[in-house]
Structure formats: C-alpha cells, structure tokens
Protein backbone atom coordinates (compact mmCIF):
# COMPACT_ATOMS: atom_id res chain seq x y z
CA UNK A 1 37.52 196.66 163.79
CA UNK A 2 35.39 193.72 164.81
CA UNK A 3 33.12 194.22 167.84
CA UNK A 4 33.68 191.89 170.76
CA UNK A 5 30.72 189.51 171.14
CA UNK A 6 28.63 189.78 174.29
CA UNK A 7 29.01 186.56 176.26
CA UNK A 8 27.17 187.60 179.42
CA UNK A 9 24.79 184.65 178.96
CA UNK A 10 27.55 182.09 178.51
CA UNK A 11 28.57 179.81 181.36
CA UNK A 12 31.65 177.68 181.95
CA UNK A 13 31.59 174.58 184.12
CA UNK A 14 34.97 173.40 185.41
CA UNK A 15 35.03 169.90 186.83
CA UNK A 16 37.63 169.86 189.58
CA UNK A 17 36.97 166.78 191.67
CA UNK A 18 38.52 163.36 191.71
CA UNK A 19 40.48 161.11 194.00
CA UNK A 20 43.94 162.51 193.42
CA UNK A 21 45.31 159.33 191.87
CA UNK A 22 46.38 160.49 188.39
CA UNK A 23 49.63 162.23 189.40
CA UNK A 24 50.44 160.02 192.36
CA UNK A 25 52.66 160.46 194.35
CA UNK A 26 52.49 164.23 193.74
CA UNK A 27 48.71 164.44 194.04
CA UNK A 28 46.54 163.20 196.87
CA UNK A 29 42.81 163.24 197.63
CA UNK A 30 43.02 166.67 199.30
CA UNK A 31 45.38 168.00 196.64
CA UNK A 32 44.57 166.41 193.27
CA UNK A 33 46.29 167.48 190.06
CA UNK A 34 44.03 170.50 189.44
CA UNK A 35 45.00 172.03 192.79
CA UNK A 36 48.77 171.62 192.48
CA UNK A 37 51.25 173.92 190.80
CA UNK A 38 53.58 172.25 188.32
CA UNK A 39 53.86 174.68 185.42
CA UNK A 40 54.17 178.35 186.36
CA UNK A 41 53.08 179.97 189.59
CA UNK A 42 49.39 179.09 189.46
CA UNK A 43 47.60 175.77 189.89
CA UNK A 44 45.99 174.01 186.94
CA UNK A 45 42.59 175.12 188.28
CA UNK A 46 43.67 178.75 188.47
CA UNK A 47 45.08 178.53 184.96
CA UNK A 48 41.79 177.08 183.68
CA UNK A 49 39.87 180.01 185.16
CA UNK A 50 42.40 182.45 183.68
CA UNK A 51 41.84 180.92 180.22
CA UNK A 52 38.04 181.27 180.28
CA UNK A 53 37.83 184.75 181.86
CA UNK A 54 38.12 186.48 178.47
CA UNK A 55 34.98 184.56 177.39
CA UNK A 56 32.63 184.81 180.37
CA UNK A 57 32.20 186.96 183.47
CA UNK A 58 33.56 185.47 186.70
CA UNK A 59 30.02 185.13 188.06
CA UNK A 60 29.28 182.67 185.22
CA UNK A 61 32.04 180.22 186.09
CA UNK A 62 30.97 177.18 188.13
CA UNK A 63 33.43 174.76 189.69
CA UNK A 64 32.09 171.30 190.46
CA UNK A 65 34.26 169.61 193.08
CA UNK A 66 33.82 167.45 196.17
CA UNK A 67 33.48 168.26 199.86
CA UNK A 68 37.08 167.36 200.63
CA UNK A 69 38.55 169.66 197.96
CA UNK A 70 36.03 172.54 198.16
CA UNK A 71 37.90 174.51 200.87
CA UNK A 72 41.11 174.54 198.80
CA UNK A 73 39.18 175.44 195.63
CA UNK A 74 37.65 178.42 197.43
CA UNK A 75 41.06 179.40 198.81
CA UNK A 76 42.64 179.29 195.34
CA UNK A 77 39.77 181.20 193.72
CA UNK A 78 38.89 183.87 196.30
CA UNK A 79 37.18 186.19 193.78
CA UNK A 80 34.82 183.46 192.55
CA UNK A 81 31.42 183.81 194.24
CA UNK A 82 31.20 181.30 197.08
CA UNK A 83 28.01 179.72 195.67
CA UNK A 84 29.84 179.01 192.39
CA UNK A 85 31.95 176.33 194.06
CA UNK A 86 29.63 173.35 194.19
CA UNK A 87 30.73 170.45 196.37
CA UNK A 88 29.22 167.06 195.64
CA UNK A 89 28.78 165.07 198.86
CA UNK A 90 29.78 161.87 197.05
CA UNK A 91 31.73 161.58 193.80
CA UNK A 92 29.69 160.01 191.02
CA UNK A 93 32.11 160.49 188.11
CA UNK A 94 31.95 162.76 185.09
CA UNK A 95 28.38 162.18 183.92
CA UNK A 96 26.87 163.22 187.25
CA UNK A 97 29.10 166.32 187.44
CA UNK A 98 28.13 167.38 183.90
CA UNK A 99 24.44 166.83 184.65
CA UNK A 100 24.66 168.80 187.88
CA UNK A 101 26.46 171.66 186.12
CA UNK A 102 23.88 171.74 183.31
CA UNK A 103 21.02 171.77 185.82
CA UNK A 104 22.61 174.65 187.75
CA UNK A 105 23.14 176.68 184.57
CA UNK A 106 19.57 175.97 183.48
CA UNK A 107 18.26 177.14 186.85
CA UNK A 108 20.40 180.29 186.68
CA UNK A 109 19.08 181.12 183.21
CA UNK A 110 15.48 180.67 184.41
CA UNK A 111 16.12 183.13 187.26
CA UNK A 112 17.33 185.82 184.86
C-alpha cells in the first residue's frame, strides 16, 4: 500500500474575480460564473475547493477575488479562514492576481 504524500506545505490559489460577463445574462458583477450554481447543488467555486481539498489543508487555500464579490465568496466558503479570501480593491486581470497569490504564499512560507 502506497503512503499518502504529505502536502501540508502545498498551497492552492483560486482566482475568483471578474466582471461577470462570460455567462451573461446568467452572471452579473455581483454573481459571476464562479458564484452561480449550474451543475449540481454547489457553485463552481465550491466545487473547485472540493476538488483541491484532498491535496491541501483548507488553511492553505487562498481565494483571490474583488471587493464586490468577497462577501458572497465568504458566505459560500464559511469554513475557509476569513484572511484566505483576498479582495483586490481594483481588478487588474490575471497576471496581477497570480502575482498577489504567489507573494502571499511566499510570505506564509517565510512565517512558518
């Protein structure tokens, strides 16, 4: 039997921002595609977290979103530590979100 690898030092960054234009008219700025439920009983964001939980502890999942969507993200992921939902004050597209996530993970690893 193969031993399960220890992934306590792994992190997952989920980018969950945007303007809510991709699935228009279903999605809107306050409820973009990741926050809506289309397939199953959970939103796309909740399903993404469900998929990565076998790999990393909940405390190592960061969600990068925006100020408008942050309250709904926190509502949908109540067990995620509050500080793990990071709300950008202004959307700056994917590159900025990835850079912010990498910087936060780097800072967390330095604290350990």
